[in-house]
Amino acid sequence: MLAQHMEQLETLGLNLCFAALFFFIGMAIRDVLKQGKVPKFGQYIVWLVLFLGCAGFIVKGIIQISWEGSGIG
């Protein structure tokens, strides 16, 4: 395989790994919130923080792709 293809596969694998990690973190948080009988307001705050973490990761990837495409990075 070409080096470019290997780099793309590594990037794809890393992104899928992060997506799976966020999913499992979300499932664990859901379980803890359910068993701990956390009030609704606290649950909303926890999910907001988790969502912002995921959104930041996605935005970072989009910025990275756009910068690499334009030759900046």
PDB file of N, CA and C in Angstrom:
ATOM      1  N   MET A   1       0.832  -1.185   0.000  1.00  0.00           N
ATOM      2  CA  MET A   1       0.000   0.000   0.000  1.00  0.00           C
ATOM      3  C   MET A   1       0.875   1.246   0.000  1.00  0.00           C
ATOM      4  N   LEU A   2       0.318   2.270  -0.539  1.00  0.00           N
ATOM      5  CA  LEU A   2       1.023   3.536  -0.531  1.00  0.00           C
ATOM      6  C   LEU A   2       0.986   4.151   0.868  1.00  0.00           C
ATOM      7  N   ALA A   3       1.969   5.004   1.127  1.00  0.00           N
ATOM      8  CA  ALA A   3       2.040   5.655   2.440  1.00  0.00           C
ATOM      9  C   ALA A   3       0.807   6.529   2.680  1.00  0.00           C
ATOM     10  N   GLN A   4       0.294   7.141   1.634  1.00  0.00           N
ATOM     11  CA  GLN A   4      -0.885   7.995   1.780  1.00  0.00           C
ATOM     12  C   GLN A   4      -2.100   7.173   2.230  1.00  0.00           C
ATOM     13  N   HIS A   5      -2.249   5.977   1.666  1.00  0.00           N
ATOM     14  CA  HIS A   5      -3.370   5.124   2.045  1.00  0.00           C
ATOM     15  C   HIS A   5      -3.233   4.656   3.491  1.00  0.00           C
ATOM     16  N   MET A   6      -2.019   4.358   3.904  1.00  0.00           N
ATOM     17  CA  MET A   6      -1.797   3.944   5.286  1.00  0.00           C
ATOM     18  C   MET A   6      -2.140   5.076   6.249  1.00  0.00           C
ATOM     19  N   GLU A   7      -1.776   6.284   5.889  1.00  0.00           N
ATOM     20  CA  GLU A   7      -2.071   7.432   6.741  1.00  0.00           C
ATOM     21  C   GLU A   7      -3.582   7.650   6.845  1.00  0.00           C
ATOM     22  N   GLN A   8      -4.297   7.482   5.737  1.00  0.00           N
ATOM     23  CA  GLN A   8      -5.752   7.634   5.756  1.00  0.00           C
ATOM     24  C   GLN A   8      -6.408   6.547   6.612  1.00  0.00           C
ATOM     25  N   LEU A   9      -5.900   5.322   6.503  1.00  0.00           N
ATOM     26  CA  LEU A   9      -6.437   4.241   7.317  1.00  0.00           C
ATOM     27  C   LEU A   9      -6.185   4.486   8.802  1.00  0.00           C
ATOM     28  N   GLU A  10      -4.999   4.984   9.127  1.00  0.00           N
ATOM     29  CA  GLU A  10      -4.689   5.295  10.523  1.00  0.00           C
ATOM     30  C   GLU A  10      -5.610   6.386  11.047  1.00  0.00           C
ATOM     31  N   THR A  11      -5.841   7.410  10.244  1.00  0.00           N
ATOM     32  CA  THR A  11      -6.716   8.509  10.653  1.00  0.00           C
ATOM     33  C   THR A  11      -8.140   8.008  10.839  1.00  0.00           C
ATOM     34  N   LEU A  12      -8.626   7.207   9.916  1.00  0.00           N
ATOM     35  CA  LEU A  12      -9.973   6.656  10.018  1.00  0.00           C
ATOM     36  C   LEU A  12     -10.099   5.778  11.257  1.00  0.00           C
ATOM     37  N   GLY A  13      -9.118   4.922  11.485  1.00  0.00           N
ATOM     38  CA  GLY A  13      -9.145   4.053  12.659  1.00  0.00           C
ATOM     39  C   GLY A  13      -9.141   4.838  13.956  1.00  0.00           C
ATOM     40  N   LEU A  14      -8.342   5.899  14.012  1.00  0.00           N
ATOM     41  CA  LEU A  14      -8.280   6.726  15.213  1.00  0.00           C
ATOM     42  C   LEU A  14      -9.618   7.427  15.450  1.00  0.00           C
ATOM     43  N   ASN A  15     -10.213   7.949  14.398  1.00  0.00           N
ATOM     44  CA  ASN A  15     -11.513   8.624  14.540  1.00  0.00           C
ATOM     45  C   ASN A  15     -12.602   7.648  14.980  1.00  0.00           C
ATOM     46  N   LEU A  16     -12.595   6.452  14.433  1.00  0.00           N
ATOM     47  CA  LEU A  16     -13.576   5.448  14.849  1.00  0.00           C
ATOM     48  C   LEU A  16     -13.349   5.024  16.291  1.00  0.00           C
ATOM     49  N   CYS A  17     -12.102   4.943  16.683  1.00  0.00           N
ATOM     50  CA  CYS A  17     -11.780   4.604  18.069  1.00  0.00           C
ATOM     51  C   CYS A  17     -12.295   5.676  19.020  1.00  0.00           C
ATOM     52  N   PHE A  18     -12.107   6.939  18.672  1.00  0.00           N
ATOM     53  CA  PHE A  18     -12.611   8.024  19.509  1.00  0.00           C
ATOM     54  C   PHE A  18     -14.136   8.011  19.560  1.00  0.00           C
ATOM     55  N   ALA A  19     -14.784   7.727  18.439  1.00  0.00           N
ATOM     56  CA  ALA A  19     -16.249   7.663  18.418  1.00  0.00           C
ATOM     57  C   ALA A  19     -16.745   6.543  19.330  1.00  0.00           C
ATOM     58  N   ALA A  20     -16.095   5.393  19.273  1.00  0.00           N
ATOM     59  CA  ALA A  20     -16.481   4.285  20.145  1.00  0.00           C
ATOM     60  C   ALA A  20     -16.233   4.638  21.609  1.00  0.00           C
ATOM     61  N   LEU A  21     -15.138   5.322  21.879  1.00  0.00           N
ATOM     62  CA  LEU A  21     -14.823   5.733  23.245  1.00  0.00           C
ATOM     63  C   LEU A  21     -15.883   6.690  23.785  1.00  0.00           C
ATOM     64  N   PHE A  22     -16.286   7.677  22.991  1.00  0.00           N
ATOM     65  CA  PHE A  22     -17.337   8.592  23.408  1.00  0.00           C
ATOM     66  C   PHE A  22     -18.654   7.845  23.646  1.00  0.00           C
ATOM     67  N   PHE A  23     -18.952   6.863  22.807  1.00  0.00           N
ATOM     68  CA  PHE A  23     -20.172   6.080  22.974  1.00  0.00           C
ATOM     69  C   PHE A  23     -20.155   5.324  24.297  1.00  0.00           C
ATOM     70  N   PHE A  24     -19.039   4.659  24.585  1.00  0.00           N
ATOM     71  CA  PHE A  24     -18.959   3.886  25.822  1.00  0.00           C
ATOM     72  C   PHE A  24     -18.936   4.784  27.054  1.00  0.00           C
ATOM     73  N   ILE A  25     -18.324   5.942  26.959  1.00  0.00           N
ATOM     74  CA  ILE A  25     -18.368   6.899  28.057  1.00  0.00           C
ATOM     75  C   ILE A  25     -19.814   7.344  28.293  1.00  0.00           C
ATOM     76  N   GLY A  26     -20.536   7.609  27.219  1.00  0.00           N
ATOM     77  CA  GLY A  26     -21.935   7.997  27.336  1.00  0.00           C
ATOM     78  C   GLY A  26     -22.786   6.915  27.978  1.00  0.00           C
ATOM     79  N   MET A  27     -22.554   5.667  27.605  1.00  0.00           N
ATOM     80  CA  MET A  27     -23.312   4.570  28.200  1.00  0.00           C
ATOM     81  C   MET A  27     -22.986   4.423  29.687  1.00  0.00           C
ATOM     82  N   ALA A  28     -21.724   4.582  30.049  1.00  0.00           N
ATOM     83  CA  ALA A  28     -21.342   4.491  31.455  1.00  0.00           C
ATOM     84  C   ALA A  28     -21.946   5.636  32.263  1.00  0.00           C
ATOM     85  N   ILE A  29     -21.934   6.834  31.704  1.00  0.00           N
ATOM     86  CA  ILE A  29     -22.522   7.985  32.399  1.00  0.00           C
ATOM     87  C   ILE A  29     -24.019   7.786  32.565  1.00  0.00           C
ATOM     88  N   ARG A  30     -24.665   7.277  31.547  1.00  0.00           N
ATOM     89  CA  ARG A  30     -26.108   7.024  31.629  1.00  0.00           C
ATOM     90  C   ARG A  30     -26.417   6.048  32.757  1.00  0.00           C
ATOM     91  N   ASP A  31     -25.624   4.996  32.855  1.00  0.00           N
ATOM     92  CA  ASP A  31     -25.822   4.002  33.899  1.00  0.00           C
ATOM     93  C   ASP A  31     -25.616   4.603  35.294  1.00  0.00           C
ATOM     94  N   VAL A  32     -24.559   5.393  35.451  1.00  0.00           N
ATOM     95  CA  VAL A  32     -24.271   6.019  36.745  1.00  0.00           C
ATOM     96  C   VAL A  32     -25.381   6.999  37.126  1.00  0.00           C
ATOM     97  N   LEU A  33     -25.854   7.782  36.160  1.00  0.00           N
ATOM     98  CA  LEU A  33     -26.916   8.733  36.449  1.00  0.00           C
ATOM     99  C   LEU A  33     -28.208   8.030  36.852  1.00  0.00           C
ATOM    100  N   LYS A  34     -28.501   6.911  36.205  1.00  0.00           N
ATOM    101  CA  LYS A  34     -29.710   6.161  36.528  1.00  0.00           C
ATOM    102  C   LYS A  34     -29.621   5.544  37.919  1.00  0.00           C
ATOM    103  N   GLN A  35     -28.507   4.911  38.224  1.00  0.00           N
ATOM    104  CA  GLN A  35     -28.366   4.247  39.513  1.00  0.00           C
ATOM    105  C   GLN A  35     -28.211   5.229  40.660  1.00  0.00           C
ATOM    106  N   GLY A  36     -27.653   6.413  40.373  1.00  0.00           N
ATOM    107  CA  GLY A  36     -27.468   7.414  41.411  1.00  0.00           C
ATOM    108  C   GLY A  36     -28.688   8.283  41.645  1.00  0.00           C
ATOM    109  N   LYS A  37     -29.723   8.101  40.838  1.00  0.00           N
ATOM    110  CA  LYS A  37     -30.960   8.897  40.935  1.00  0.00           C
ATOM    111  C   LYS A  37     -30.650  10.397  40.983  1.00  0.00           C
ATOM    112  N   VAL A  38     -29.878  10.827  39.995  1.00  0.00           N
ATOM    113  CA  VAL A  38     -29.477  12.229  39.889  1.00  0.00           C
ATOM    114  C   VAL A  38     -30.671  13.057  39.407  1.00  0.00           C
ATOM    115  N   PRO A  39     -30.879  14.256  39.978  1.00  0.00           N
ATOM    116  CA  PRO A  39     -31.987  15.108  39.513  1.00  0.00           C
ATOM    117  C   PRO A  39     -31.833  15.477  38.031  1.00  0.00           C
ATOM    118  N   LYS A  40     -32.958  15.830  37.417  1.00  0.00           N
ATOM    119  CA  LYS A  40     -32.967  16.138  35.981  1.00  0.00           C
ATOM    120  C   LYS A  40     -31.998  17.264  35.619  1.00  0.00           C
ATOM    121  N   PHE A  41     -31.937  18.308  36.438  1.00  0.00           N
ATOM    122  CA  PHE A  41     -31.040  19.424  36.128  1.00  0.00           C
ATOM    123  C   PHE A  41     -29.585  18.953  36.079  1.00  0.00           C
ATOM    124  N   GLY A  42     -29.201  18.124  37.018  1.00  0.00           N
ATOM    125  CA  GLY A  42     -27.842  17.584  37.026  1.00  0.00           C
ATOM    126  C   GLY A  42     -27.573  16.711  35.816  1.00  0.00           C
ATOM    127  N   GLN A  43     -28.574  15.945  35.409  1.00  0.00           N
ATOM    128  CA  GLN A  43     -28.417  15.105  34.221  1.00  0.00           C
ATOM    129  C   GLN A  43     -28.214  15.960  32.972  1.00  0.00           C
ATOM    130  N   TYR A  44     -28.984  17.055  32.884  1.00  0.00           N
ATOM    131  CA  TYR A  44     -28.839  17.937  31.721  1.00  0.00           C
ATOM    132  C   TYR A  44     -27.435  18.542  31.668  1.00  0.00           C
ATOM    133  N   ILE A  45     -26.906  18.926  32.811  1.00  0.00           N
ATOM    134  CA  ILE A  45     -25.560  19.506  32.849  1.00  0.00           C
ATOM    135  C   ILE A  45     -24.528  18.472  32.423  1.00  0.00           C
ATOM    136  N   VAL A  46     -24.655  17.256  32.922  1.00  0.00           N
ATOM    137  CA  VAL A  46     -23.701  16.191  32.562  1.00  0.00           C
ATOM    138  C   VAL A  46     -23.750  15.916  31.067  1.00  0.00           C
ATOM    139  N   TRP A  47     -24.943  15.791  30.498  1.00  0.00           N
ATOM    140  CA  TRP A  47     -25.064  15.516  29.063  1.00  0.00           C
ATOM    141  C   TRP A  47     -24.584  16.692  28.215  1.00  0.00           C
ATOM    142  N   LEU A  48     -24.793  17.914  28.710  1.00  0.00           N
ATOM    143  CA  LEU A  48     -24.301  19.086  27.985  1.00  0.00           C
ATOM    144  C   LEU A  48     -22.777  19.066  27.904  1.00  0.00           C
ATOM    145  N   VAL A  49     -22.131  18.759  29.009  1.00  0.00           N
ATOM    146  CA  VAL A  49     -20.666  18.708  29.029  1.00  0.00           C
ATOM    147  C   VAL A  49     -20.159  17.607  28.099  1.00  0.00           C
ATOM    148  N   LEU A  50     -20.804  16.448  28.132  1.00  0.00           N
ATOM    149  CA  LEU A  50     -20.402  15.354  27.240  1.00  0.00           C
ATOM    150  C   LEU A  50     -20.603  15.746  25.780  1.00  0.00           C
ATOM    151  N   PHE A  51     -21.722  16.385  25.462  1.00  0.00           N
ATOM    152  CA  PHE A  51     -21.986  16.815  24.091  1.00  0.00           C
ATOM    153  C   PHE A  51     -20.953  17.842  23.628  1.00  0.00           C
ATOM    154  N   LEU A  52     -20.614  18.782  24.496  1.00  0.00           N
ATOM    155  CA  LEU A  52     -19.632  19.800  24.116  1.00  0.00           C
ATOM    156  C   LEU A  52     -18.260  19.181  23.861  1.00  0.00           C
ATOM    157  N   GLY A  53     -17.919  18.144  24.615  1.00  0.00           N
ATOM    158  CA  GLY A  53     -16.667  17.434  24.362  1.00  0.00           C
ATOM    159  C   GLY A  53     -16.665  16.771  22.993  1.00  0.00           C
ATOM    160  N   CYS A  54     -17.770  16.118  22.657  1.00  0.00           N
ATOM    161  CA  CYS A  54     -17.890  15.480  21.340  1.00  0.00           C
ATOM    162  C   CYS A  54     -17.887  16.520  20.226  1.00  0.00           C
ATOM    163  N   ALA A  55     -18.613  17.605  20.440  1.00  0.00           N
ATOM    164  CA  ALA A  55     -18.685  18.654  19.419  1.00  0.00           C
ATOM    165  C   ALA A  55     -17.314  19.286  19.199  1.00  0.00           C
ATOM    166  N   GLY A  56     -16.562  19.490  20.275  1.00  0.00           N
ATOM    167  CA  GLY A  56     -15.216  20.041  20.136  1.00  0.00           C
ATOM    168  C   GLY A  56     -14.314  19.119  19.330  1.00  0.00           C
ATOM    169  N   PHE A  57     -14.435  17.815  19.560  1.00  0.00           N
ATOM    170  CA  PHE A  57     -13.648  16.849  18.801  1.00  0.00           C
ATOM    171  C   PHE A  57     -14.010  16.890  17.322  1.00  0.00           C
ATOM    172  N   ILE A  58     -15.294  16.996  17.013  1.00  0.00           N
ATOM    173  CA  ILE A  58     -15.739  17.042  15.621  1.00  0.00           C
ATOM    174  C   ILE A  58     -15.276  18.329  14.949  1.00  0.00           C
ATOM    175  N   VAL A  59     -15.405  19.450  15.644  1.00  0.00           N
ATOM    176  CA  VAL A  59     -14.973  20.736  15.088  1.00  0.00           C
ATOM    177  C   VAL A  59     -13.466  20.734  14.845  1.00  0.00           C
ATOM    178  N   LYS A  60     -12.703  20.150  15.753  1.00  0.00           N
ATOM    179  CA  LYS A  60     -11.252  20.046  15.570  1.00  0.00           C
ATOM    180  C   LYS A  60     -10.928  19.270  14.294  1.00  0.00           C
ATOM    181  N   GLY A  61     -11.645  18.187  14.063  1.00  0.00           N
ATOM    182  CA  GLY A  61     -11.417  17.399  12.854  1.00  0.00           C
ATOM    183  C   GLY A  61     -11.759  18.160  11.591  1.00  0.00           C
ATOM    184  N   ILE A  62     -12.852  18.916  11.626  1.00  0.00           N
ATOM    185  CA  ILE A  62     -13.243  19.712  10.458  1.00  0.00           C
ATOM    186  C   ILE A  62     -12.226  20.804  10.179  1.00  0.00           C
ATOM    187  N   ILE A  63     -11.767  21.477  11.229  1.00  0.00           N
ATOM    188  CA  ILE A  63     -10.747  22.521  11.051  1.00  0.00           C
ATOM    189  C   ILE A  63      -9.459  21.922  10.509  1.00  0.00           C
ATOM    190  N   GLN A  64      -9.079  20.778  11.031  1.00  0.00           N
ATOM    191  CA  GLN A  64      -7.850  20.122  10.570  1.00  0.00           C
ATOM    192  C   GLN A  64      -7.947  19.756   9.087  1.00  0.00           C
ATOM    193  N   ILE A  65      -9.073  19.213   8.675  1.00  0.00           N
ATOM    194  CA  ILE A  65      -9.254  18.833   7.269  1.00  0.00           C
ATOM    195  C   ILE A  65      -9.235  20.068   6.378  1.00  0.00           C
ATOM    196  N   SER A  66      -9.905  21.141   6.795  1.00  0.00           N
ATOM    197  CA  SER A  66      -9.947  22.335   5.963  1.00  0.00           C
ATOM    198  C   SER A  66      -8.567  22.991   5.864  1.00  0.00           C
ATOM    199  N   TRP A  67      -7.817  22.994   6.947  1.00  0.00           N
ATOM    200  CA  TRP A  67      -6.473  23.590   6.904  1.00  0.00           C
ATOM    201  C   TRP A  67      -5.524  22.759   6.038  1.00  0.00           C
ATOM    202  N   GLU A  68      -5.607  21.447   6.160  1.00  0.00           N
ATOM    203  CA  GLU A  68      -4.756  20.586   5.331  1.00  0.00           C
ATOM    204  C   GLU A  68      -5.122  20.719   3.864  1.00  0.00           C
ATOM    205  N   GLY A  69      -6.411  20.893   3.575  1.00  0.00           N
ATOM    206  CA  GLY A  69      -6.865  21.050   2.200  1.00  0.00           C
ATOM    207  C   GLY A  69      -6.397  22.344   1.570  1.00  0.00           C
ATOM    208  N   SER A  70      -6.268  23.375   2.388  1.00  0.00           N
ATOM    209  CA  SER A  70      -5.830  24.673   1.842  1.00  0.00           C
ATOM    210  C   SER A  70      -4.320  24.855   1.922  1.00  0.00           C
ATOM    211  N   GLY A  71      -3.607  23.887   2.490  1.00  0.00           N
ATOM    212  CA  GLY A  71      -2.151  23.952   2.528  1.00  0.00           C
ATOM    213  C   GLY A  71      -1.583  24.676   3.720  1.00  0.00           C
ATOM    214  N   ILE A  72      -2.389  24.972   4.724  1.00  0.00           N
ATOM    215  CA  ILE A  72      -1.888  25.692   5.901  1.00  0.00           C
ATOM    216  C   ILE A  72      -1.134  24.750   6.827  1.00  0.00           C
ATOM    217  N   GLY A  73      -1.695  23.579   7.103  1.00  0.00           N
ATOM    218  CA  GLY A  73      -1.102  22.689   8.103  1.00  0.00           C
ATOM    219  C   GLY A  73      -0.427  21.548   7.556  1.00  0.00           C
TER     220      GLY A  73
END
